Amino acid sequence: MAATPGGWRCLSRPSWSSEGVGTARASVAHLLAYSVWVEAAEPVRLRRVLERDGAALEPRWREWFEAERKWFAEDRTRERADVVVTT
């Protein structure tokens, strides 16, 4: 599923948004009205995070990426997203 910007939307009831690797996990999916999966290729992600955090943390980030791959594969997080955005 591809996404295009849709602009601002007014909601008729109170809402809340959250972001992070665990916010759309299967165990809380029944509580979500909508989920957005945002992704970038791993080399792009690594470059961005090393520019931000420094090269000394590269081994830790590679471990994190591996853990994410396993988590998301088991949880099917991307498959359950309402919208997928690729950067």
PDB file of N, CA and C in Angstrom:
ATOM      1  N   MET A   1       0.844  -1.163   0.000  1.00  0.00           N
ATOM      2  CA  MET A   1       0.000   0.000   0.000  1.00  0.00           C
ATOM      3  C   MET A   1       0.898   1.237   0.000  1.00  0.00           C
ATOM      4  N   ALA A   2       0.688   2.135  -0.875  1.00  0.00           N
ATOM      5  CA  ALA A   2       1.467   3.368  -0.933  1.00  0.00           C
ATOM      6  C   ALA A   2       0.680   4.493  -0.281  1.00  0.00           C
ATOM      7  N   ALA A   3       1.382   5.461   0.219  1.00  0.00           N
ATOM      8  CA  ALA A   3       0.718   6.578   0.888  1.00  0.00           C
ATOM      9  C   ALA A   3       1.032   7.880   0.162  1.00  0.00           C
ATOM     10  N   THR A   4       0.076   8.779   0.191  1.00  0.00           N
ATOM     11  CA  THR A   4       0.293  10.132  -0.288  1.00  0.00           C
ATOM     12  C   THR A   4      -0.160  11.066   0.820  1.00  0.00           C
ATOM     13  N   PRO A   5       0.488  12.218   0.958  1.00  0.00           N
ATOM     14  CA  PRO A   5       0.080  13.146   2.012  1.00  0.00           C
ATOM     15  C   PRO A   5      -1.376  13.543   1.855  1.00  0.00           C
ATOM     16  N   GLY A   6      -2.083  13.568   2.953  1.00  0.00           N
ATOM     17  CA  GLY A   6      -3.499  13.888   2.898  1.00  0.00           C
ATOM     18  C   GLY A   6      -3.866  15.185   3.578  1.00  0.00           C
ATOM     19  N   GLY A   7      -2.917  15.874   4.168  1.00  0.00           N
ATOM     20  CA  GLY A   7      -3.207  17.130   4.838  1.00  0.00           C
ATOM     21  C   GLY A   7      -3.821  16.913   6.216  1.00  0.00           C
ATOM     22  N   TRP A   8      -4.276  17.980   6.807  1.00  0.00           N
ATOM     23  CA  TRP A   8      -4.857  17.940   8.142  1.00  0.00           C
ATOM     24  C   TRP A   8      -6.277  17.412   8.083  1.00  0.00           C
ATOM     25  N   ARG A   9      -6.674  16.723   9.118  1.00  0.00           N
ATOM     26  CA  ARG A   9      -8.044  16.219   9.232  1.00  0.00           C
ATOM     27  C   ARG A   9      -8.579  16.568  10.607  1.00  0.00           C
ATOM     28  N   CYS A  10      -9.814  16.999  10.665  1.00  0.00           N
ATOM     29  CA  CYS A  10     -10.479  17.258  11.938  1.00  0.00           C
ATOM     30  C   CYS A  10     -11.131  15.960  12.410  1.00  0.00           C
ATOM     31  N   LEU A  11     -10.929  15.649  13.660  1.00  0.00           N
ATOM     32  CA  LEU A  11     -11.502  14.434  14.227  1.00  0.00           C
ATOM     33  C   LEU A  11     -12.688  14.804  15.095  1.00  0.00           C
ATOM     34  N   SER A  12     -13.713  13.993  15.055  1.00  0.00           N
ATOM     35  CA  SER A  12     -14.938  14.305  15.776  1.00  0.00           C
ATOM     36  C   SER A  12     -14.882  13.905  17.243  1.00  0.00           C
ATOM     37  N   ARG A  13     -13.836  13.205  17.648  1.00  0.00           N
ATOM     38  CA  ARG A  13     -13.706  12.813  19.049  1.00  0.00           C
ATOM     39  C   ARG A  13     -12.247  12.916  19.475  1.00  0.00           C
ATOM     40  N   PRO A  14     -12.011  12.923  20.765  1.00  0.00           N
ATOM     41  CA  PRO A  14     -10.618  13.022  21.232  1.00  0.00           C
ATOM     42  C   PRO A  14      -9.771  11.901  20.643  1.00  0.00           C
ATOM     43  N   SER A  15      -8.525  12.228  20.366  1.00  0.00           N
ATOM     44  CA  SER A  15      -7.624  11.228  19.807  1.00  0.00           C
ATOM     45  C   SER A  15      -6.242  11.392  20.422  1.00  0.00           C
ATOM     46  N   TRP A  16      -5.422  10.384  20.176  1.00  0.00           N
ATOM     47  CA  TRP A  16      -4.073  10.370  20.706  1.00  0.00           C
ATOM     48  C   TRP A  16      -3.192   9.677  19.695  1.00  0.00           C
ATOM     49  N   SER A  17      -1.987  10.142  19.530  1.00  0.00           N
ATOM     50  CA  SER A  17      -1.067   9.448  18.633  1.00  0.00           C
ATOM     51  C   SER A  17       0.219   9.137  19.384  1.00  0.00           C
ATOM     52  N   SER A  18       0.853   8.077  18.946  1.00  0.00           N
ATOM     53  CA  SER A  18       2.088   7.625  19.562  1.00  0.00           C
ATOM     54  C   SER A  18       2.998   7.096  18.468  1.00  0.00           C
ATOM     55  N   GLU A  19       4.301   7.125  18.703  1.00  0.00           N
ATOM     56  CA  GLU A  19       5.232   6.589  17.723  1.00  0.00           C
ATOM     57  C   GLU A  19       6.286   5.779  18.439  1.00  0.00           C
ATOM     58  N   GLY A  20       6.876   4.868  17.700  1.00  0.00           N
ATOM     59  CA  GLY A  20       7.934   4.044  18.251  1.00  0.00           C
ATOM     60  C   GLY A  20       7.787   2.611  17.793  1.00  0.00           C
ATOM     61  N   VAL A  21       8.817   1.808  18.018  1.00  0.00           N
ATOM     62  CA  VAL A  21       8.831   0.454  17.481  1.00  0.00           C
ATOM     63  C   VAL A  21       7.759  -0.451  18.044  1.00  0.00           C
ATOM     64  N   GLY A  22       7.263  -0.174  19.228  1.00  0.00           N
ATOM     65  CA  GLY A  22       6.285  -1.069  19.831  1.00  0.00           C
ATOM     66  C   GLY A  22       4.864  -0.564  19.853  1.00  0.00           C
ATOM     67  N   THR A  23       4.601   0.564  19.237  1.00  0.00           N
ATOM     68  CA  THR A  23       3.284   1.171  19.370  1.00  0.00           C
ATOM     69  C   THR A  23       2.187   0.487  18.568  1.00  0.00           C
ATOM     70  N   ALA A  24       2.533  -0.293  17.560  1.00  0.00           N
ATOM     71  CA  ALA A  24       1.510  -0.958  16.746  1.00  0.00           C
ATOM     72  C   ALA A  24       1.627  -2.474  16.832  1.00  0.00           C
ATOM     73  N   ARG A  25       2.199  -2.972  17.903  1.00  0.00           N
ATOM     74  CA  ARG A  25       2.368  -4.420  18.032  1.00  0.00           C
ATOM     75  C   ARG A  25       1.026  -5.131  18.079  1.00  0.00           C
ATOM     76  N   ALA A  26       1.037  -6.385  17.729  1.00  0.00           N
ATOM     77  CA  ALA A  26      -0.190  -7.168  17.622  1.00  0.00           C
ATOM     78  C   ALA A  26      -0.979  -7.188  18.927  1.00  0.00           C
ATOM     79  N   SER A  27      -0.287  -7.204  20.060  1.00  0.00           N
ATOM     80  CA  SER A  27      -0.974  -7.300  21.346  1.00  0.00           C
ATOM     81  C   SER A  27      -1.838  -6.085  21.675  1.00  0.00           C
ATOM     82  N   VAL A  28      -1.604  -4.959  21.006  1.00  0.00           N
ATOM     83  CA  VAL A  28      -2.425  -3.772  21.244  1.00  0.00           C
ATOM     84  C   VAL A  28      -3.205  -3.348  20.004  1.00  0.00           C
ATOM     85  N   ALA A  29      -3.155  -4.139  18.957  1.00  0.00           N
ATOM     86  CA  ALA A  29      -3.804  -3.772  17.693  1.00  0.00           C
ATOM     87  C   ALA A  29      -5.294  -3.487  17.865  1.00  0.00           C
ATOM     88  N   HIS A  30      -5.940  -4.188  18.764  1.00  0.00           N
ATOM     89  CA  HIS A  30      -7.379  -3.980  18.973  1.00  0.00           C
ATOM     90  C   HIS A  30      -7.692  -2.597  19.554  1.00  0.00           C
ATOM     91  N   LEU A  31      -6.688  -1.911  20.063  1.00  0.00           N
ATOM     92  CA  LEU A  31      -6.872  -0.573  20.629  1.00  0.00           C
ATOM     93  C   LEU A  31      -6.625   0.539  19.615  1.00  0.00           C
ATOM     94  N   LEU A  32      -6.101   0.180  18.446  1.00  0.00           N
ATOM     95  CA  LEU A  32      -5.706   1.174  17.458  1.00  0.00           C
ATOM     96  C   LEU A  32      -6.811   1.450  16.458  1.00  0.00           C
ATOM     97  N   ALA A  33      -6.963   2.711  16.123  1.00  0.00           N
ATOM     98  CA  ALA A  33      -7.883   3.079  15.059  1.00  0.00           C
ATOM     99  C   ALA A  33      -7.180   3.041  13.715  1.00  0.00           C
ATOM    100  N   TYR A  34      -5.875   3.273  13.730  1.00  0.00           N
ATOM    101  CA  TYR A  34      -5.132   3.448  12.489  1.00  0.00           C
ATOM    102  C   TYR A  34      -3.655   3.299  12.796  1.00  0.00           C
ATOM    103  N   SER A  35      -2.916   2.669  11.899  1.00  0.00           N
ATOM    104  CA  SER A  35      -1.466   2.598  12.087  1.00  0.00           C
ATOM    105  C   SER A  35      -0.751   2.917  10.784  1.00  0.00           C
ATOM    106  N   VAL A  36       0.402   3.557  10.930  1.00  0.00           N
ATOM    107  CA  VAL A  36       1.226   3.951   9.792  1.00  0.00           C
ATOM    108  C   VAL A  36       2.608   3.333   9.987  1.00  0.00           C
ATOM    109  N   TRP A  37       3.086   2.627   8.985  1.00  0.00           N
ATOM    110  CA  TRP A  37       4.427   2.047   8.993  1.00  0.00           C
ATOM    111  C   TRP A  37       5.307   2.953   8.148  1.00  0.00           C
ATOM    112  N   VAL A  38       6.372   3.486   8.748  1.00  0.00           N
ATOM    113  CA  VAL A  38       7.314   4.340   8.029  1.00  0.00           C
ATOM    114  C   VAL A  38       8.633   3.584   7.929  1.00  0.00           C
ATOM    115  N   GLU A  39       9.151   3.457   6.707  1.00  0.00           N
ATOM    116  CA  GLU A  39      10.380   2.679   6.534  1.00  0.00           C
ATOM    117  C   GLU A  39      11.364   3.368   5.606  1.00  0.00           C
ATOM    118  N   ALA A  40      12.611   2.987   5.794  1.00  0.00           N
ATOM    119  CA  ALA A  40      13.694   3.387   4.904  1.00  0.00           C
ATOM    120  C   ALA A  40      14.612   2.179   4.789  1.00  0.00           C
ATOM    121  N   ALA A  41      15.353   2.091   3.706  1.00  0.00           N
ATOM    122  CA  ALA A  41      16.306   0.995   3.529  1.00  0.00           C
ATOM    123  C   ALA A  41      17.316   1.020   4.672  1.00  0.00           C
ATOM    124  N   GLU A  42      17.770  -0.164   5.067  1.00  0.00           N
ATOM    125  CA  GLU A  42      18.686  -0.241   6.200  1.00  0.00           C
ATOM    126  C   GLU A  42      19.952   0.601   6.021  1.00  0.00           C
ATOM    127  N   PRO A  43      20.583   0.628   4.842  1.00  0.00           N
ATOM    128  CA  PRO A  43      21.760   1.501   4.701  1.00  0.00           C
ATOM    129  C   PRO A  43      21.437   2.976   4.958  1.00  0.00           C
ATOM    130  N   VAL A  44      20.264   3.410   4.546  1.00  0.00           N
ATOM    131  CA  VAL A  44      19.844   4.791   4.785  1.00  0.00           C
ATOM    132  C   VAL A  44      19.631   5.010   6.273  1.00  0.00           C
ATOM    133  N   ARG A  45      18.958   4.080   6.924  1.00  0.00           N
ATOM    134  CA  ARG A  45      18.721   4.191   8.367  1.00  0.00           C
ATOM    135  C   ARG A  45      20.041   4.224   9.128  1.00  0.00           C
ATOM    136  N   LEU A  46      20.975   3.345   8.752  1.00  0.00           N
ATOM    137  CA  LEU A  46      22.255   3.295   9.440  1.00  0.00           C
ATOM    138  C   LEU A  46      23.015   4.601   9.250  1.00  0.00           C
ATOM    139  N   ARG A  47      23.046   5.099   8.035  1.00  0.00           N
ATOM    140  CA  ARG A  47      23.728   6.371   7.778  1.00  0.00           C
ATOM    141  C   ARG A  47      23.130   7.487   8.629  1.00  0.00           C
ATOM    142  N   ARG A  48      21.815   7.567   8.666  1.00  0.00           N
ATOM    143  CA  ARG A  48      21.151   8.626   9.428  1.00  0.00           C
ATOM    144  C   ARG A  48      21.466   8.537  10.918  1.00  0.00           C
ATOM    145  N   VAL A  49      21.390   7.325  11.459  1.00  0.00           N
ATOM    146  CA  VAL A  49      21.594   7.178  12.898  1.00  0.00           C
ATOM    147  C   VAL A  49      23.057   7.399  13.273  1.00  0.00           C
ATOM    148  N   LEU A  50      23.984   7.003  12.409  1.00  0.00           N
ATOM    149  CA  LEU A  50      25.397   7.240  12.708  1.00  0.00           C
ATOM    150  C   LEU A  50      25.751   8.719  12.591  1.00  0.00           C
ATOM    151  N   GLU A  51      25.120   9.418  11.661  1.00  0.00           N
ATOM    152  CA  GLU A  51      25.317  10.867  11.572  1.00  0.00           C
ATOM    153  C   GLU A  51      24.813  11.542  12.845  1.00  0.00           C
ATOM    154  N   ARG A  52      23.729  11.012  13.376  1.00  0.00           N
ATOM    155  CA  ARG A  52      23.135  11.593  14.577  1.00  0.00           C
ATOM    156  C   ARG A  52      23.905  11.202  15.842  1.00  0.00           C
ATOM    157  N   ASP A  53      24.242   9.898  15.977  1.00  0.00           N
ATOM    158  CA  ASP A  53      24.783   9.381  17.237  1.00  0.00           C
ATOM    159  C   ASP A  53      26.286   9.138  17.237  1.00  0.00           C
ATOM    160  N   GLY A  54      26.906   9.090  16.077  1.00  0.00           N
ATOM    161  CA  GLY A  54      28.341   8.851  15.998  1.00  0.00           C
ATOM    162  C   GLY A  54      28.673   7.408  15.665  1.00  0.00           C
ATOM    163  N   ALA A  55      29.800   7.227  15.006  1.00  0.00           N
ATOM    164  CA  ALA A  55      30.216   5.916  14.512  1.00  0.00           C
ATOM    165  C   ALA A  55      30.508   4.921  15.632  1.00  0.00           C
ATOM    166  N   ALA A  56      30.835   5.379  16.809  1.00  0.00           N
ATOM    167  CA  ALA A  56      31.149   4.465  17.914  1.00  0.00           C
ATOM    168  C   ALA A  56      29.971   3.562  18.269  1.00  0.00           C
ATOM    169  N   LEU A  57      28.777   3.980  17.965  1.00  0.00           N
ATOM    170  CA  LEU A  57      27.593   3.184  18.292  1.00  0.00           C
ATOM    171  C   LEU A  57      27.156   2.241  17.176  1.00  0.00           C
ATOM    172  N   GLU A  58      27.925   2.165  16.097  1.00  0.00           N
ATOM    173  CA  GLU A  58      27.518   1.312  14.978  1.00  0.00           C
ATOM    174  C   GLU A  58      27.257  -0.137  15.384  1.00  0.00           C
ATOM    175  N   PRO A  59      28.124  -0.781  16.179  1.00  0.00           N
ATOM    176  CA  PRO A  59      27.828  -2.176  16.555  1.00  0.00           C
ATOM    177  C   PRO A  59      26.491  -2.315  17.284  1.00  0.00           C
ATOM    178  N   ARG A  60      26.199  -1.390  18.141  1.00  0.00           N
ATOM    179  CA  ARG A  60      24.927  -1.440  18.883  1.00  0.00           C
ATOM    180  C   ARG A  60      23.735  -1.267  17.945  1.00  0.00           C
ATOM    181  N   TRP A  61      23.854  -0.349  16.990  1.00  0.00           N
ATOM    182  CA  TRP A  61      22.754  -0.132  16.057  1.00  0.00           C
ATOM    183  C   TRP A  61      22.541  -1.348  15.154  1.00  0.00           C
ATOM    184  N   ARG A  62      23.601  -2.013  14.771  1.00  0.00           N
ATOM    185  CA  ARG A  62      23.451  -3.231  13.963  1.00  0.00           C
ATOM    186  C   ARG A  62      22.731  -4.312  14.760  1.00  0.00           C
ATOM    187  N   GLU A  63      23.012  -4.434  16.042  1.00  0.00           N
ATOM    188  CA  GLU A  63      22.292  -5.372  16.920  1.00  0.00           C
ATOM    189  C   GLU A  63      20.812  -4.984  16.991  1.00  0.00           C
ATOM    190  N   TRP A  64      20.552  -3.701  17.126  1.00  0.00           N
ATOM    191  CA  TRP A  64      19.173  -3.201  17.204  1.00  0.00           C
ATOM    192  C   TRP A  64      18.406  -3.529  15.921  1.00  0.00           C
ATOM    193  N   PHE A  65      19.030  -3.297  14.781  1.00  0.00           N
ATOM    194  CA  PHE A  65      18.371  -3.587  13.509  1.00  0.00           C
ATOM    195  C   PHE A  65      18.018  -5.067  13.396  1.00  0.00           C
ATOM    196  N   GLU A  66      18.916  -5.934  13.827  1.00  0.00           N
ATOM    197  CA  GLU A  66      18.648  -7.374  13.795  1.00  0.00           C
ATOM    198  C   GLU A  66      17.470  -7.719  14.703  1.00  0.00           C
ATOM    199  N   ALA A  67      17.459  -7.154  15.888  1.00  0.00           N
ATOM    200  CA  ALA A  67      16.349  -7.398  16.822  1.00  0.00           C
ATOM    201  C   ALA A  67      15.030  -6.897  16.234  1.00  0.00           C
ATOM    202  N   GLU A  68      15.061  -5.740  15.587  1.00  0.00           N
ATOM    203  CA  GLU A  68      13.862  -5.203  14.935  1.00  0.00           C
ATOM    204  C   GLU A  68      13.348  -6.136  13.851  1.00  0.00           C
ATOM    205  N   ARG A  69      14.256  -6.622  13.000  1.00  0.00           N
ATOM    206  CA  ARG A  69      13.841  -7.523  11.918  1.00  0.00           C
ATOM    207  C   ARG A  69      13.091  -8.717  12.489  1.00  0.00           C
ATOM    208  N   LYS A  70      13.620  -9.308  13.539  1.00  0.00           N
ATOM    209  CA  LYS A  70      12.968 -10.462  14.163  1.00  0.00           C
ATOM    210  C   LYS A  70      11.619 -10.074  14.754  1.00  0.00           C
ATOM    211  N   TRP A  71      11.607  -8.988  15.494  1.00  0.00           N
ATOM    212  CA  TRP A  71      10.366  -8.518  16.143  1.00  0.00           C
ATOM    213  C   TRP A  71       9.272  -8.302  15.093  1.00  0.00           C
ATOM    214  N   PHE A  72       9.577  -7.519  14.076  1.00  0.00           N
ATOM    215  CA  PHE A  72       8.568  -7.171  13.085  1.00  0.00           C
ATOM    216  C   PHE A  72       8.124  -8.370  12.257  1.00  0.00           C
ATOM    217  N   ALA A  73       9.025  -9.304  11.991  1.00  0.00           N
ATOM    218  CA  ALA A  73       8.649 -10.514  11.250  1.00  0.00           C
ATOM    219  C   ALA A  73       7.680 -11.358  12.073  1.00  0.00           C
ATOM    220  N   GLU A  74       7.971 -11.542  13.341  1.00  0.00           N
ATOM    221  CA  GLU A  74       7.101 -12.330  14.212  1.00  0.00           C
ATOM    222  C   GLU A  74       5.763 -11.639  14.437  1.00  0.00           C
ATOM    223  N   ASP A  75       5.803 -10.350  14.610  1.00  0.00           N
ATOM    224  CA  ASP A  75       4.613  -9.570  14.946  1.00  0.00           C
ATOM    225  C   ASP A  75       3.780  -9.180  13.728  1.00  0.00           C
ATOM    226  N   ARG A  76       4.382  -9.279  12.524  1.00  0.00           N
ATOM    227  CA  ARG A  76       3.726  -8.886  11.270  1.00  0.00           C
ATOM    228  C   ARG A  76       3.282  -7.411  11.296  1.00  0.00           C
ATOM    229  N   THR A  77       4.086  -6.586  11.931  1.00  0.00           N
ATOM    230  CA  THR A  77       3.739  -5.178  12.133  1.00  0.00           C
ATOM    231  C   THR A  77       3.477  -4.461  10.814  1.00  0.00           C
ATOM    232  N   ARG A  78       4.374  -4.600   9.847  1.00  0.00           N
ATOM    233  CA  ARG A  78       4.208  -3.918   8.558  1.00  0.00           C
ATOM    234  C   ARG A  78       2.958  -4.404   7.841  1.00  0.00           C
ATOM    235  N   GLU A  79       2.714  -5.702   7.869  1.00  0.00           N
ATOM    236  CA  GLU A  79       1.555  -6.275   7.172  1.00  0.00           C
ATOM    237  C   GLU A  79       0.237  -5.739   7.711  1.00  0.00           C
ATOM    238  N   ARG A  80       0.193  -5.414   8.987  1.00  0.00           N
ATOM    239  CA  ARG A  80      -1.047  -4.966   9.602  1.00  0.00           C
ATOM    240  C   ARG A  80      -1.243  -3.455   9.514  1.00  0.00           C
ATOM    241  N   ALA A  81      -0.246  -2.726   9.030  1.00  0.00           N
ATOM    242  CA  ALA A  81      -0.357  -1.267   8.944  1.00  0.00           C
ATOM    243  C   ALA A  81      -1.438  -0.859   7.962  1.00  0.00           C
ATOM    244  N   ASP A  82      -2.107   0.234   8.277  1.00  0.00           N
ATOM    245  CA  ASP A  82      -3.124   0.777   7.378  1.00  0.00           C
ATOM    246  C   ASP A  82      -2.478   1.503   6.201  1.00  0.00           C
ATOM    247  N   VAL A  83      -1.338   2.091   6.453  1.00  0.00           N
ATOM    248  CA  VAL A  83      -0.604   2.839   5.416  1.00  0.00           C
ATOM    249  C   VAL A  83       0.871   2.531   5.581  1.00  0.00           C
ATOM    250  N   VAL A  84       1.580   2.371   4.471  1.00  0.00           N
ATOM    251  CA  VAL A  84       3.023   2.178   4.471  1.00  0.00           C
ATOM    252  C   VAL A  84       3.647   3.362   3.739  1.00  0.00           C
ATOM    253  N   VAL A  85       4.592   4.027   4.385  1.00  0.00           N
ATOM    254  CA  VAL A  85       5.292   5.163   3.809  1.00  0.00           C
ATOM    255  C   VAL A  85       6.764   4.799   3.707  1.00  0.00           C
ATOM    256  N   THR A  86       7.331   4.926   2.523  1.00  0.00           N
ATOM    257  CA  THR A  86       8.742   4.651   2.323  1.00  0.00           C
ATOM    258  C   THR A  86       9.473   5.971   2.114  1.00  0.00           C
ATOM    259  N   THR A  87      10.567   6.149   2.859  1.00  0.00           N
ATOM    260  CA  THR A  87      11.324   7.404   2.742  1.00  0.00           C
ATOM    261  C   THR A  87      12.600   7.164   1.990  1.00  0.00           C
TER     262      THR A  87
END
